[in-house]
Amino acid sequence: MPDYRPREGAAVRAREFAIYTAARTGEVIGARWSEIDFTEKLWIIPARRMKGGQQHRVPLSDRALEILAEVRCEGSDERRPAVVTAVAEPQRA
């Protein structure tokens, strides 16, 4: 049977990033570039965005870092705060 699932787009990248980081959808959609530490391979989610009210440090796998690189290449970058720009901030025509 053919696989008809979409393979591209912000929603697909967000879902895959959520899977690789075991994060909630809202955490992924709310991710900011300032929370990503590429050197330490960590995503540091501030307490104010966490359900439990405590800072969360998420180790980033190689694939999670690749997804971030892909998102950056697709037009989202450090000048815009949202990592998953097309999901968090819809583009206007």
N, C-alpha and C. Protein backbone atom coordinates (compact mmCIF):
# COMPACT_ATOMS: atom_id res chain seq x y z
N MET A 1 0.83 -1.17 0.00
CA MET A 1 0.00 0.00 0.00
C MET A 1 0.89 1.25 0.00
N PRO A 2 0.61 2.21 -0.86
CA PRO A 2 1.41 3.44 -0.91
C PRO A 2 1.27 4.25 0.39
N ASP A 3 2.32 4.97 0.72
CA ASP A 3 2.34 5.83 1.90
C ASP A 3 1.96 7.24 1.47
N TYR A 4 0.78 7.72 1.89
CA TYR A 4 0.28 9.02 1.47
C TYR A 4 0.49 10.11 2.51
N ARG A 5 1.18 9.79 3.59
CA ARG A 5 1.41 10.79 4.63
C ARG A 5 2.33 11.89 4.09
N PRO A 6 2.05 13.15 4.47
CA PRO A 6 2.93 14.24 4.04
C PRO A 6 4.30 14.11 4.67
N ARG A 7 5.30 14.50 3.95
CA ARG A 7 6.67 14.38 4.44
C ARG A 7 7.34 15.75 4.63
N GLU A 8 6.67 16.81 4.22
CA GLU A 8 7.24 18.13 4.31
C GLU A 8 6.27 19.08 4.99
N GLY A 9 6.76 20.21 5.40
CA GLY A 9 5.92 21.22 5.99
C GLY A 9 6.18 21.41 7.48
N ALA A 10 5.78 22.55 7.97
CA ALA A 10 6.03 22.91 9.36
C ALA A 10 5.36 21.95 10.34
N ALA A 11 4.14 21.54 10.03
CA ALA A 11 3.42 20.64 10.95
C ALA A 11 4.13 19.29 11.06
N VAL A 12 4.63 18.79 9.95
CA VAL A 12 5.34 17.51 9.96
C VAL A 12 6.63 17.63 10.76
N ARG A 13 7.37 18.74 10.53
CA ARG A 13 8.61 18.95 11.29
C ARG A 13 8.32 19.09 12.79
N ALA A 14 7.25 19.81 13.12
CA ALA A 14 6.89 20.00 14.53
C ALA A 14 6.54 18.67 15.18
N ARG A 15 5.78 17.85 14.49
CA ARG A 15 5.39 16.54 15.03
C ARG A 15 6.62 15.66 15.23
N GLU A 16 7.51 15.65 14.23
CA GLU A 16 8.71 14.83 14.34
C GLU A 16 9.61 15.33 15.47
N PHE A 17 9.75 16.65 15.61
CA PHE A 17 10.54 17.21 16.69
C PHE A 17 9.94 16.83 18.04
N ALA A 18 8.62 16.85 18.14
CA ALA A 18 7.94 16.45 19.38
C ALA A 18 8.23 15.00 19.71
N ILE A 19 8.25 14.15 18.72
CA ILE A 19 8.53 12.73 18.94
C ILE A 19 9.97 12.54 19.43
N TYR A 20 10.92 13.21 18.78
CA TYR A 20 12.33 13.03 19.15
C TYR A 20 12.68 13.66 20.49
N THR A 21 11.87 14.61 20.95
CA THR A 21 12.16 15.27 22.22
C THR A 21 11.19 14.86 23.32
N ALA A 22 10.17 14.06 22.99
CA ALA A 22 9.14 13.65 23.94
C ALA A 22 8.47 14.86 24.59
N ALA A 23 8.30 15.93 23.81
CA ALA A 23 7.70 17.16 24.31
C ALA A 23 6.23 17.23 23.92
N ARG A 24 5.49 18.02 24.67
CA ARG A 24 4.08 18.27 24.35
C ARG A 24 3.99 19.20 23.14
N THR A 25 2.88 19.11 22.43
CA THR A 25 2.67 19.93 21.24
C THR A 25 2.84 21.41 21.55
N GLY A 26 2.22 21.88 22.63
CA GLY A 26 2.31 23.30 22.99
C GLY A 26 3.73 23.75 23.26
N GLU A 27 4.53 22.87 23.84
CA GLU A 27 5.94 23.20 24.10
C GLU A 27 6.70 23.35 22.78
N VAL A 28 6.43 22.45 21.85
CA VAL A 28 7.10 22.51 20.54
C VAL A 28 6.68 23.77 19.79
N ILE A 29 5.40 24.03 19.73
CA ILE A 29 4.91 25.20 19.01
C ILE A 29 5.43 26.49 19.65
N GLY A 30 5.59 26.48 20.97
CA GLY A 30 6.08 27.66 21.66
C GLY A 30 7.59 27.78 21.73
N ALA A 31 8.31 26.82 21.18
CA ALA A 31 9.78 26.84 21.24
C ALA A 31 10.35 28.10 20.62
N ARG A 32 11.37 28.64 21.27
CA ARG A 32 12.05 29.84 20.81
C ARG A 32 13.52 29.52 20.56
N TRP A 33 14.10 30.20 19.58
CA TRP A 33 15.51 29.96 19.26
C TRP A 33 16.39 30.22 20.48
N SER A 34 16.01 31.18 21.30
CA SER A 34 16.81 31.50 22.48
C SER A 34 16.85 30.35 23.49
N GLU A 35 15.93 29.40 23.37
CA GLU A 35 15.90 28.24 24.28
C GLU A 35 16.81 27.10 23.81
N ILE A 36 17.29 27.19 22.59
CA ILE A 36 18.09 26.11 21.99
C ILE A 36 19.57 26.39 22.20
N ASP A 37 20.28 25.44 22.80
CA ASP A 37 21.72 25.53 22.98
C ASP A 37 22.35 24.47 22.08
N PHE A 38 22.80 24.93 20.90
CA PHE A 38 23.37 23.99 19.92
C PHE A 38 24.69 23.40 20.41
N THR A 39 25.46 24.16 21.15
CA THR A 39 26.75 23.69 21.64
C THR A 39 26.58 22.53 22.61
N GLU A 40 25.66 22.70 23.56
CA GLU A 40 25.42 21.67 24.57
C GLU A 40 24.37 20.63 24.13
N LYS A 41 23.78 20.84 22.95
CA LYS A 41 22.73 19.97 22.43
C LYS A 41 21.57 19.86 23.42
N LEU A 42 21.08 21.04 23.86
CA LEU A 42 20.01 21.10 24.85
C LEU A 42 18.93 22.08 24.42
N TRP A 43 17.72 21.76 24.77
CA TRP A 43 16.59 22.67 24.64
C TRP A 43 16.16 22.96 26.07
N ILE A 44 16.30 24.19 26.50
CA ILE A 44 15.98 24.58 27.87
C ILE A 44 14.65 25.34 27.85
N ILE A 45 13.60 24.67 28.29
CA ILE A 45 12.26 25.26 28.30
C ILE A 45 12.08 25.96 29.65
N PRO A 46 11.80 27.28 29.61
CA PRO A 46 11.66 28.00 30.88
C PRO A 46 10.44 27.54 31.69
N ALA A 47 10.54 27.70 32.99
CA ALA A 47 9.49 27.25 33.92
C ALA A 47 8.13 27.85 33.56
N ARG A 48 8.09 29.09 33.11
CA ARG A 48 6.81 29.74 32.80
C ARG A 48 6.05 29.05 31.67
N ARG A 49 6.74 28.27 30.85
CA ARG A 49 6.07 27.56 29.75
C ARG A 49 5.79 26.10 30.06
N MET A 50 6.23 25.64 31.22
CA MET A 50 6.05 24.24 31.57
C MET A 50 4.80 24.03 32.41
N LYS A 51 4.12 22.93 32.16
CA LYS A 51 2.90 22.60 32.89
C LYS A 51 3.17 22.49 34.39
N GLY A 52 4.30 21.93 34.77
CA GLY A 52 4.64 21.75 36.18
C GLY A 52 5.28 22.97 36.81
N GLY A 53 5.55 24.00 36.02
CA GLY A 53 6.12 25.23 36.55
C GLY A 53 7.61 25.16 36.87
N GLN A 54 8.31 24.16 36.36
CA GLN A 54 9.75 24.04 36.58
C GLN A 54 10.47 23.98 35.24
N GLN A 55 11.65 24.61 35.19
CA GLN A 55 12.46 24.58 33.98
C GLN A 55 12.70 23.13 33.56
N HIS A 56 12.69 22.90 32.25
CA HIS A 56 12.89 21.55 31.72
C HIS A 56 14.06 21.58 30.75
N ARG A 57 15.01 20.68 30.95
CA ARG A 57 16.18 20.58 30.07
C ARG A 57 16.04 19.32 29.23
N VAL A 58 15.92 19.51 27.92
CA VAL A 58 15.68 18.40 27.01
C VAL A 58 16.94 18.15 26.18
N PRO A 59 17.56 16.99 26.30
CA PRO A 59 18.70 16.66 25.44
C PRO A 59 18.23 16.53 24.00
N LEU A 60 19.00 17.06 23.08
CA LEU A 60 18.64 17.02 21.66
C LEU A 60 19.46 15.96 20.94
N SER A 61 18.77 15.03 20.33
CA SER A 61 19.44 13.98 19.54
C SER A 61 19.96 14.61 18.25
N ASP A 62 20.78 13.85 17.54
CA ASP A 62 21.29 14.33 16.25
C ASP A 62 20.13 14.64 15.30
N ARG A 63 19.10 13.77 15.28
CA ARG A 63 17.96 14.01 14.39
C ARG A 63 17.18 15.26 14.80
N ALA A 64 17.02 15.50 16.10
CA ALA A 64 16.33 16.71 16.55
C ALA A 64 17.10 17.95 16.08
N LEU A 65 18.42 17.91 16.16
CA LEU A 65 19.24 19.02 15.68
C LEU A 65 19.13 19.18 14.17
N GLU A 66 19.03 18.07 13.44
CA GLU A 66 18.82 18.13 11.99
C GLU A 66 17.50 18.81 11.66
N ILE A 67 16.46 18.48 12.41
CA ILE A 67 15.15 19.10 12.18
C ILE A 67 15.25 20.61 12.39
N LEU A 68 15.93 21.02 13.45
CA LEU A 68 16.12 22.45 13.68
C LEU A 68 16.86 23.11 12.53
N ALA A 69 17.87 22.43 12.00
CA ALA A 69 18.63 22.96 10.86
C ALA A 69 17.73 23.06 9.62
N GLU A 70 16.88 22.06 9.41
CA GLU A 70 15.95 22.09 8.27
C GLU A 70 14.97 23.25 8.41
N VAL A 71 14.45 23.44 9.61
CA VAL A 71 13.49 24.53 9.85
C VAL A 71 14.17 25.87 9.58
N ARG A 72 15.41 26.00 10.03
CA ARG A 72 16.15 27.25 9.81
C ARG A 72 16.34 27.50 8.32
N CYS A 73 16.65 26.45 7.56
CA CYS A 73 16.85 26.57 6.11
C CYS A 73 15.55 26.92 5.38
N GLU A 74 14.41 26.56 5.98
CA GLU A 74 13.12 26.82 5.34
C GLU A 74 12.61 28.22 5.62
N GLY A 75 13.42 29.07 6.23
CA GLY A 75 13.01 30.45 6.41
C GLY A 75 12.85 30.91 7.84
N SER A 76 12.86 30.01 8.79
CA SER A 76 12.79 30.41 10.19
C SER A 76 14.22 30.55 10.68
N ASP A 77 14.51 31.63 11.37
CA ASP A 77 15.86 31.81 11.88
C ASP A 77 15.83 32.58 13.18
N GLU A 78 17.01 32.89 13.70
CA GLU A 78 17.12 33.53 15.00
C GLU A 78 16.50 34.92 15.06
N ARG A 79 16.28 35.57 13.92
CA ARG A 79 15.66 36.90 13.93
C ARG A 79 14.19 36.84 14.28
N ARG A 80 13.58 35.67 14.10
CA ARG A 80 12.18 35.46 14.48
C ARG A 80 12.20 34.55 15.69
N PRO A 81 11.46 34.89 16.73
CA PRO A 81 11.58 34.11 17.96
C PRO A 81 11.08 32.68 17.88
N ALA A 82 10.05 32.40 17.11
CA ALA A 82 9.47 31.06 17.07
C ALA A 82 10.31 30.13 16.21
N VAL A 83 10.59 28.94 16.72
CA VAL A 83 11.34 27.94 15.95
C VAL A 83 10.47 27.41 14.82
N VAL A 84 9.24 27.01 15.15
CA VAL A 84 8.32 26.46 14.15
C VAL A 84 7.44 27.62 13.69
N THR A 85 8.02 28.50 12.88
CA THR A 85 7.39 29.74 12.48
C THR A 85 6.05 29.54 11.77
N ALA A 86 6.00 28.62 10.83
CA ALA A 86 4.78 28.46 10.04
C ALA A 86 3.62 27.94 10.88
N VAL A 87 3.91 27.28 11.98
CA VAL A 87 2.83 26.80 12.86
C VAL A 87 2.50 27.87 13.88
N ALA A 88 3.51 28.47 14.49
CA ALA A 88 3.29 29.43 15.57
C ALA A 88 2.83 30.78 15.06
N GLU A 89 3.34 31.18 13.91
CA GLU A 89 3.02 32.48 13.34
C GLU A 89 2.66 32.29 11.87
N PRO A 90 1.40 32.07 11.55
CA PRO A 90 1.02 31.81 10.15
C PRO A 90 1.46 32.93 9.22
N GLN A 91 1.95 32.54 8.08
CA GLN A 91 2.38 33.50 7.06
C GLN A 91 1.14 34.13 6.41
N ARG A 92 1.20 35.41 6.18
CA ARG A 92 0.10 36.09 5.50
C ARG A 92 0.43 36.27 4.04
N ALA A 93 -0.57 36.13 3.19
CA ALA A 93 -0.34 36.25 1.75
C ALA A 93 -0.18 37.70 1.34
